[in-house]
Amino acid sequence: MSRSDVLVVAGEPSGDRIAALVARALAEQGVRAHGIAGPAAGAAGVEIVADGSRLAAMGLADVVTRVPDLVQSLARLLARVRRDPPRAALLVDHTELNQRLGRLLRARGTRVLWCVAPQVWAWRPGRLSALRDAVDRLAVILPFEEALWREAGYDARYVGHPSLDSPSLDRSAARAELAIDPGARAVAVLPGSRAGEVLRLARPLAEAAALLSAEGVTARMILAPGLDRRAREAAVAAARAAGVTIADGDPDHGAGPLLAAFDASLCASGTATLEAALAAAAPVVAYRLDPVAFAVARRLVRTPHVALPNVLLGRRAFPELLQGEVTPARLAAAAGALLARRDEAVRVAAELRAVLAPPSAETFGRRVADLLLPWLR
């Protein structure tokens, strides 16, 4: 390993895809990367020291089950850092791990770029100060976050949102890929990328799709790349029981390239809600945590919206169903209403693209890489 290498830590599929975009841009400049990441970053040339796909968690119960993996992965990474500290590091999201790792790295002379800032505008605003000694610079992906973090004293730069760079098939090509009739009404089932949320949501989402199918709607469940075995098996079983056809997301870009095929989507809360909204596959957003985690979240959350498109637009453009509201009947009814308003979904997609307008014509990966490169020279 060379001191010109960049250390990367990305703990879940959306972060893994971000790491892959940046790694490709760095490789074009002759810079290598290594660290904790998943299959997308590995395919982009990142040397995987520990598997980041095993670290993704959502909810207290999920976190507890992941502790052994997290400890082992961190031990392997720290051993490498102690042998040969990198000159720069890219830490993507995963606040609980990365804020500690950032402090350790900076103490050893490594400059730290944090990409995807904690959502302090939504909950736990105290985290504004928690990163104080953990980062040199923040690359934020929501436009309003730059001013928020700058006011708190951070060197924050808005780099655009990676979903804007996701390649996509046009509507006819996407429908041909998924064997969907050109004239059909179609709904995507997107049960999430974290194991816990897939286990909680795959069944009600699939059963809602079955109710829509009985009314002539075509449904496809798109599985995120990198799902662990248990979550994938649960999703497949739920889809088969409901008679819903399964498709696999793109290894590098998830469901994004296929979403133009759909008029609406049944969607776990997360990045996929924004990807669906940008593709005019209007999302019905489902959010369900384990009961203890949800009770805690209800006391801490400050935003009136759960879905990222609604946060960005400042209004309830898409329906959100939480906890006990996540039933097949309610999901199907909400999606059925959206299927009748395709033109509105197209208008909202254009509005979101305007809100997220990036600061330059460069790719997302290159904009982030450009924040790292001066530290390597």
Protein backbone atom coordinates (compact mmCIF):
# COMPACT_ATOMS: atom_id res chain seq x y z
CA MET A 1 0.00 0.00 0.00
CA SER A 2 1.14 3.52 -0.77
CA ARG A 3 0.55 6.65 1.27
CA SER A 4 -1.22 7.96 -1.82
CA ASP A 5 -3.94 5.33 -1.34
CA VAL A 6 -7.32 6.50 -0.04
CA LEU A 7 -9.01 4.63 2.77
CA VAL A 8 -12.75 4.07 2.14
CA VAL A 9 -15.38 3.03 4.70
CA ALA A 10 -18.92 2.49 3.41
CA GLY A 11 -21.25 0.33 5.46
CA GLU A 12 -24.46 -0.18 3.45
CA PRO A 13 -25.54 -0.55 -0.21
CA SER A 14 -26.25 3.12 -0.94
CA GLY A 15 -22.92 4.09 0.62
CA ASP A 16 -21.19 1.29 -1.24
CA ARG A 17 -22.47 2.70 -4.54
CA ILE A 18 -21.21 6.16 -3.57
CA ALA A 19 -17.79 4.71 -2.75
CA ALA A 20 -17.75 3.00 -6.14
CA LEU A 21 -18.48 6.26 -8.00
CA VAL A 22 -15.69 8.06 -6.15
CA ALA A 23 -13.23 5.16 -6.52
CA ARG A 24 -13.67 5.18 -10.30
CA ALA A 25 -13.03 8.92 -10.42
CA LEU A 26 -9.93 8.50 -8.24
CA ALA A 27 -8.66 5.65 -10.42
CA GLU A 28 -8.80 7.97 -13.42
CA GLN A 29 -6.31 10.15 -11.53
CA GLY A 30 -4.07 7.19 -10.70
CA VAL A 31 -5.24 6.89 -7.08
CA ARG A 32 -6.06 3.53 -5.51
CA ALA A 33 -8.47 2.82 -2.65
CA HIS A 34 -8.90 0.17 0.02
CA GLY A 35 -11.10 -0.35 3.07
CA ILE A 36 -14.49 -1.53 4.31
CA ALA A 37 -16.99 -1.57 1.47
CA GLY A 38 -19.28 -3.84 -0.51
CA PRO A 39 -19.53 -5.43 -3.96
CA ALA A 40 -20.04 -2.21 -5.93
CA ALA A 41 -16.87 -0.63 -4.56
CA GLY A 42 -15.02 -3.91 -5.04
CA ALA A 43 -16.06 -3.98 -8.69
CA ALA A 44 -14.79 -0.40 -8.99
CA GLY A 45 -11.32 -1.50 -7.90
CA VAL A 46 -11.42 -0.88 -4.15
CA GLU A 47 -9.33 -3.43 -2.25
CA ILE A 48 -11.82 -4.85 0.28
CA VAL A 49 -10.24 -5.26 3.73
CA ALA A 50 -13.60 -6.14 5.33
CA ASP A 51 -17.09 -6.60 3.89
CA GLY A 52 -19.17 -3.46 4.46
CA SER A 53 -22.41 -5.12 3.37
CA ARG A 54 -22.42 -7.01 6.70
CA LEU A 55 -22.53 -3.77 8.69
CA ALA A 56 -25.84 -2.33 7.44
CA ALA A 57 -28.43 -2.08 10.21
CA MET A 58 -31.67 -0.25 10.93
CA GLY A 59 -33.22 -0.29 14.39
CA LEU A 60 -31.84 -1.36 17.76
CA ALA A 61 -32.43 -5.08 17.26
CA ASP A 62 -30.59 -5.01 13.94
CA VAL A 63 -27.61 -3.19 15.46
CA VAL A 64 -27.24 -5.75 18.25
CA THR A 65 -27.08 -8.64 15.77
CA ARG A 66 -24.33 -6.85 13.81
CA VAL A 67 -21.96 -6.11 16.69
CA PRO A 68 -19.63 -9.12 16.15
CA ASP A 69 -19.24 -8.31 12.44
CA LEU A 70 -18.57 -4.66 13.19
CA VAL A 71 -15.91 -5.44 15.81
CA GLN A 72 -14.09 -7.91 13.56
CA SER A 73 -14.20 -5.60 10.55
CA LEU A 74 -12.92 -2.66 12.53
CA ALA A 75 -10.08 -4.71 14.03
CA ARG A 76 -8.86 -5.72 10.55
CA LEU A 77 -9.06 -2.15 9.33
CA LEU A 78 -7.25 -0.66 12.32
CA ALA A 79 -4.44 -3.17 12.00
CA ARG A 80 -3.92 -2.01 8.44
CA VAL A 81 -4.07 1.68 9.41
CA ARG A 82 -1.50 1.22 12.16
CA ARG A 83 0.91 -0.49 9.77
CA ASP A 84 0.61 2.19 7.11
CA PRO A 85 -1.63 5.22 7.76
CA PRO A 86 -3.25 6.55 4.57
CA ARG A 87 -2.87 10.19 3.58
CA ALA A 88 -6.64 10.64 3.08
CA ALA A 89 -9.86 8.84 3.93
CA LEU A 90 -13.41 8.85 2.54
CA LEU A 91 -15.97 7.95 5.22
CA VAL A 92 -19.48 7.42 3.87
CA ASP A 93 -22.38 7.77 6.33
CA HIS A 94 -22.39 5.03 9.06
CA THR A 95 -22.11 7.66 11.81
CA GLU A 96 -21.65 5.44 14.85
CA LEU A 97 -18.57 3.76 13.38
CA ASN A 98 -17.12 6.55 11.30
CA GLN A 99 -17.13 9.33 13.88
CA ARG A 100 -14.82 7.22 16.07
CA LEU A 101 -12.73 6.10 13.14
CA GLY A 102 -12.42 9.68 11.89
CA ARG A 103 -10.92 10.83 15.18
CA LEU A 104 -8.43 7.97 15.20
CA LEU A 105 -7.39 8.63 11.60
CA ARG A 106 -6.92 12.37 12.11
CA ALA A 107 -4.79 11.68 15.19
CA ARG A 108 -2.49 9.68 12.89
CA GLY A 109 -2.21 12.43 10.30
CA THR A 110 -4.88 11.25 7.86
CA ARG A 111 -7.13 13.92 6.33
CA VAL A 112 -10.80 12.89 6.49
CA LEU A 113 -13.58 13.64 4.02
CA TRP A 114 -17.03 12.62 5.25
CA CYS A 115 -19.64 12.04 2.55
CA VAL A 116 -23.38 11.92 3.37
CA ALA A 117 -23.71 13.92 6.57
CA PRO A 118 -25.84 12.69 9.47
CA GLN A 119 -29.44 13.89 9.10
CA VAL A 120 -29.26 16.29 12.04
CA TRP A 121 -32.10 18.31 10.50
CA ALA A 122 -34.36 15.29 11.08
CA TRP A 123 -33.29 14.06 14.50
CA ARG A 124 -30.53 14.22 17.14
CA PRO A 125 -29.29 17.74 16.33
CA GLY A 126 -26.57 17.22 18.94
CA ARG A 127 -24.64 15.34 16.27
CA LEU A 128 -23.70 18.72 14.80
CA SER A 129 -20.98 18.89 17.44
CA ALA A 130 -20.31 15.13 17.60
CA LEU A 131 -18.31 15.24 14.34
CA ARG A 132 -16.21 18.21 15.38
CA ASP A 133 -12.92 16.29 15.74
CA ALA A 134 -13.76 13.53 13.27
CA VAL A 135 -13.66 15.32 9.90
CA ASP A 136 -11.66 17.84 7.91
CA ARG A 137 -14.35 18.37 5.30
CA LEU A 138 -17.97 17.34 4.66
CA ALA A 139 -19.39 16.45 1.25
CA VAL A 140 -23.15 16.89 1.66
CA ILE A 141 -25.73 15.53 -0.80
CA LEU A 142 -28.77 17.67 0.04
CA PRO A 143 -28.60 21.35 -0.96
CA PHE A 144 -29.87 22.82 2.32
CA GLU A 145 -27.26 20.88 4.33
CA GLU A 146 -24.31 23.01 3.19
CA ALA A 147 -25.46 26.14 5.04
CA LEU A 148 -26.55 24.10 8.07
CA TRP A 149 -23.12 22.55 8.57
CA ARG A 150 -21.18 25.68 7.63
CA GLU A 151 -23.04 27.63 10.29
CA ALA A 152 -21.86 24.98 12.78
CA GLY A 153 -18.23 25.63 11.76
CA TYR A 154 -17.59 22.81 9.26
CA ASP A 155 -16.00 23.01 5.82
CA ALA A 156 -19.13 21.67 4.07
CA ARG A 157 -19.51 21.43 0.29
CA TYR A 158 -22.68 20.47 -1.61
CA VAL A 159 -21.67 17.89 -4.22
CA GLY A 160 -25.09 17.03 -5.66
CA HIS A 161 -26.99 13.81 -5.10
CA PRO A 162 -25.66 10.52 -6.52
CA SER A 163 -29.15 9.50 -7.67
CA LEU A 164 -28.97 12.19 -10.35
CA ASP A 165 -26.04 10.33 -11.92
CA SER A 166 -27.68 6.91 -11.86
CA PRO A 167 -27.92 5.52 -15.40
CA SER A 168 -31.40 4.59 -16.49
CA LEU A 169 -33.12 2.84 -19.34
CA ASP A 170 -35.88 4.71 -21.11
CA ARG A 171 -39.44 3.59 -20.42
CA SER A 172 -39.78 1.24 -23.37
CA ALA A 173 -36.37 -0.37 -22.85
CA ALA A 174 -36.96 -0.81 -19.12
CA ARG A 175 -40.34 -2.43 -19.77
CA ALA A 176 -38.82 -4.74 -22.34
CA GLU A 177 -36.10 -5.72 -19.83
CA LEU A 178 -38.75 -6.59 -17.24
CA ALA A 179 -41.24 -8.15 -19.68
CA ILE A 180 -43.91 -5.55 -18.91
CA ASP A 181 -46.50 -4.80 -21.59
CA PRO A 182 -46.03 -1.29 -23.04
CA GLY A 183 -49.61 -0.29 -22.24
CA ALA A 184 -49.86 -1.80 -18.75
CA ARG A 185 -50.11 0.04 -15.47
CA ALA A 186 -47.07 -1.09 -13.49
CA VAL A 187 -45.93 -0.89 -9.88
CA ALA A 188 -42.47 -1.61 -8.47
CA VAL A 189 -42.00 -3.34 -5.11
CA LEU A 190 -38.82 -2.07 -3.42
CA PRO A 191 -38.47 -3.71 0.01
CA GLY A 192 -35.16 -2.06 0.91
CA SER A 193 -31.45 -2.77 1.05
CA ARG A 194 -30.98 -3.40 4.79
CA ALA A 195 -31.74 -6.89 6.05
CA GLY A 196 -33.94 -5.70 8.91
CA GLU A 197 -36.23 -3.55 6.80
CA VAL A 198 -36.56 -6.27 4.15
CA LEU A 199 -37.61 -8.77 6.82
CA ARG A 200 -40.20 -6.32 8.15
CA LEU A 201 -41.54 -4.98 4.86
CA ALA A 202 -41.23 -7.56 2.07
CA ARG A 203 -44.41 -9.41 3.00
CA PRO A 204 -46.84 -6.46 3.34
CA LEU A 205 -45.42 -4.79 0.22
CA ALA A 206 -45.74 -8.02 -1.80
CA GLU A 207 -49.29 -8.60 -0.54
CA ALA A 208 -50.23 -5.04 -1.50
CA ALA A 209 -48.83 -5.71 -4.97
CA ALA A 210 -50.99 -8.84 -5.17
CA LEU A 211 -54.10 -6.75 -4.43
CA LEU A 212 -53.13 -4.38 -7.24
CA SER A 213 -52.43 -7.29 -9.59
CA ALA A 214 -56.01 -8.48 -9.03
CA GLU A 215 -57.08 -5.14 -10.53
CA GLY A 216 -54.93 -5.58 -13.63
CA VAL A 217 -51.74 -3.85 -12.46
CA THR A 218 -48.40 -5.46 -13.35
CA ALA A 219 -46.03 -5.79 -10.38
CA ARG A 220 -42.32 -6.54 -10.12
CA MET A 221 -40.26 -6.86 -6.94
CA ILE A 222 -36.72 -5.54 -7.46
CA LEU A 223 -34.18 -6.87 -4.99
CA ALA A 224 -31.22 -4.76 -3.91
CA PRO A 225 -27.76 -6.11 -4.72
CA GLY A 226 -25.79 -7.40 -1.77
CA LEU A 227 -28.73 -8.52 0.38
CA ASP A 228 -27.70 -11.12 2.92
CA ARG A 229 -29.01 -14.64 2.50
CA ARG A 230 -31.75 -14.47 5.13
CA ALA A 231 -33.21 -11.21 3.83
CA ARG A 232 -33.10 -12.36 0.22
CA GLU A 233 -34.81 -15.63 1.07
CA ALA A 234 -37.53 -13.77 2.98
CA ALA A 235 -38.13 -11.38 0.07
CA VAL A 236 -38.25 -14.20 -2.47
CA ALA A 237 -40.66 -16.18 -0.30
CA ALA A 238 -42.94 -13.16 0.14
CA ALA A 239 -42.94 -12.41 -3.59
CA ARG A 240 -43.67 -16.01 -4.56
CA ALA A 241 -46.48 -16.33 -2.02
CA ALA A 242 -48.06 -13.18 -3.46
CA GLY A 243 -47.49 -14.19 -7.09
CA VAL A 244 -45.15 -11.25 -7.74
CA THR A 245 -42.33 -11.66 -10.27
CA ILE A 246 -38.82 -10.94 -8.97
CA ALA A 247 -36.04 -9.01 -10.70
CA ASP A 248 -32.54 -8.23 -9.46
CA GLY A 249 -31.27 -4.68 -9.25
CA ASP A 250 -28.14 -3.61 -11.07
CA PRO A 251 -24.98 -4.58 -9.10
CA ASP A 252 -23.65 -1.01 -9.25
CA HIS A 253 -26.84 1.07 -9.25
CA GLY A 254 -29.58 -0.97 -7.58
CA ALA A 255 -33.13 -0.55 -8.85
CA GLY A 256 -32.47 2.88 -10.37
CA PRO A 257 -31.85 1.87 -14.01
CA LEU A 258 -35.19 0.00 -14.17
CA LEU A 259 -37.53 2.43 -12.44
CA ALA A 260 -38.63 4.25 -15.59
CA ALA A 261 -40.71 1.15 -16.35
CA PHE A 262 -43.14 1.93 -13.52
CA ASP A 263 -46.00 4.32 -12.81
CA ALA A 264 -45.83 3.91 -9.03
CA SER A 265 -43.82 2.05 -6.40
CA LEU A 266 -44.30 0.41 -3.02
CA CYS A 267 -41.12 1.48 -1.34
CA ALA A 268 -39.19 1.08 1.91
CA SER A 269 -38.11 4.43 3.28
CA GLY A 270 -34.61 5.34 2.12
CA THR A 271 -32.67 6.37 -0.96
CA ALA A 272 -34.97 4.29 -3.18
CA THR A 273 -37.85 6.70 -2.48
CA LEU A 274 -35.88 9.51 -4.11
CA GLU A 275 -34.76 7.30 -7.00
CA ALA A 276 -38.38 6.28 -7.61
CA ALA A 277 -39.65 9.86 -7.43
CA LEU A 278 -36.94 11.06 -9.86
CA ALA A 279 -38.03 8.31 -12.29
CA ALA A 280 -41.71 9.34 -11.95
CA ALA A 281 -42.47 5.95 -10.34
CA ALA A 282 -44.42 7.73 -7.61
CA PRO A 283 -43.54 6.07 -4.27
CA VAL A 284 -45.84 4.97 -1.48
CA VAL A 285 -43.35 5.08 1.40
CA ALA A 286 -43.43 2.40 4.10
CA TYR A 287 -41.55 2.86 7.36
CA ARG A 288 -41.50 0.18 10.03
CA LEU A 289 -38.96 -0.28 12.83
CA ASP A 290 -38.84 -2.68 15.73
CA PRO A 291 -41.17 -1.29 18.44
CA VAL A 292 -38.43 -0.12 20.81
CA ALA A 293 -36.54 1.75 18.10
CA PHE A 294 -39.73 3.39 16.84
CA ALA A 295 -40.69 4.52 20.36
CA VAL A 296 -37.28 6.16 20.69
CA ALA A 297 -37.49 7.71 17.21
CA ARG A 298 -40.89 9.26 17.88
CA ARG A 299 -39.42 11.23 20.76
CA LEU A 300 -36.39 12.43 18.79
CA VAL A 301 -37.53 13.08 15.20
CA ARG A 302 -38.06 16.75 14.37
CA THR A 303 -39.09 16.65 10.71
CA PRO A 304 -42.74 16.27 9.68
CA HIS A 305 -41.74 14.02 6.78
CA VAL A 306 -40.07 10.60 6.57
CA ALA A 307 -39.62 10.31 2.80
CA LEU A 308 -36.68 12.18 1.32
CA PRO A 309 -38.67 13.55 -1.67
CA ASN A 310 -41.18 15.06 0.75
CA VAL A 311 -38.37 16.57 2.85
CA LEU A 312 -36.80 18.18 -0.22
CA LEU A 313 -40.12 19.55 -1.51
CA GLY A 314 -41.33 20.68 1.89
CA ARG A 315 -44.73 19.06 1.44
CA ARG A 316 -46.39 15.64 1.49
CA ALA A 317 -46.07 14.98 -2.25
CA PHE A 318 -46.09 11.20 -1.68
CA PRO A 319 -47.94 9.14 0.94
CA GLU A 320 -46.09 7.88 4.02
CA LEU A 321 -47.35 4.92 6.04
CA LEU A 322 -45.73 4.25 9.41
CA GLN A 323 -45.64 1.19 11.68
CA GLY A 324 -49.21 -0.15 12.07
CA GLU A 325 -50.34 1.76 8.99
CA VAL A 326 -48.17 -0.54 6.87
CA THR A 327 -50.92 -2.97 5.81
CA PRO A 328 -51.49 -4.47 2.37
CA ALA A 329 -54.88 -2.80 2.00
CA ARG A 330 -53.65 0.69 2.86
CA LEU A 331 -50.52 0.33 0.74
CA ALA A 332 -52.54 -0.86 -2.25
CA ALA A 333 -55.10 1.92 -1.88
CA ALA A 334 -52.38 4.59 -1.76
CA ALA A 335 -50.58 3.14 -4.79
CA GLY A 336 -53.85 2.85 -6.72
CA ALA A 337 -54.48 6.57 -6.24
CA LEU A 338 -50.98 7.40 -7.52
CA LEU A 339 -51.41 5.21 -10.61
CA ALA A 340 -54.17 7.54 -11.74
CA ARG A 341 -51.90 10.61 -11.52
CA ARG A 342 -48.95 9.78 -13.79
CA ASP A 343 -48.72 13.34 -15.21
CA GLU A 344 -48.35 14.75 -11.71
CA ALA A 345 -45.52 12.30 -10.95
CA VAL A 346 -43.66 13.51 -14.05
CA ARG A 347 -44.02 17.14 -12.94
CA VAL A 348 -42.79 16.36 -9.43
CA ALA A 349 -39.76 14.50 -10.85
CA ALA A 350 -38.76 17.62 -12.78
CA GLU A 351 -39.24 19.74 -9.65
CA LEU A 352 -36.98 17.45 -7.63
CA ARG A 353 -34.27 17.60 -10.27
CA ALA A 354 -34.34 21.38 -10.09
CA VAL A 355 -34.10 21.33 -6.27
CA LEU A 356 -31.11 18.95 -6.41
CA ALA A 357 -29.26 20.81 -9.20
CA PRO A 358 -25.55 19.97 -8.73
CA PRO A 359 -22.85 22.67 -8.43
CA SER A 360 -21.01 21.68 -11.62
CA ALA A 361 -21.29 19.61 -14.78
CA GLU A 362 -18.78 17.05 -13.48
CA THR A 363 -19.99 13.63 -12.40
CA PHE A 364 -20.88 13.08 -8.74
CA GLY A 365 -17.86 10.82 -8.29
CA ARG A 366 -15.49 13.41 -9.72
CA ARG A 367 -16.91 16.22 -7.57
CA VAL A 368 -16.25 14.16 -4.43
CA ALA A 369 -12.84 12.98 -5.67
CA ASP A 370 -11.81 16.59 -6.28
CA LEU A 371 -12.22 17.25 -2.55
CA LEU A 372 -9.75 14.46 -1.78
CA LEU A 373 -7.12 14.92 -4.45
CA PRO A 374 -5.41 18.07 -3.01
CA TRP A 375 -4.59 16.08 0.13
CA LEU A 376 -2.74 13.45 -1.92
CA ARG A 377 -0.38 15.76 -3.75
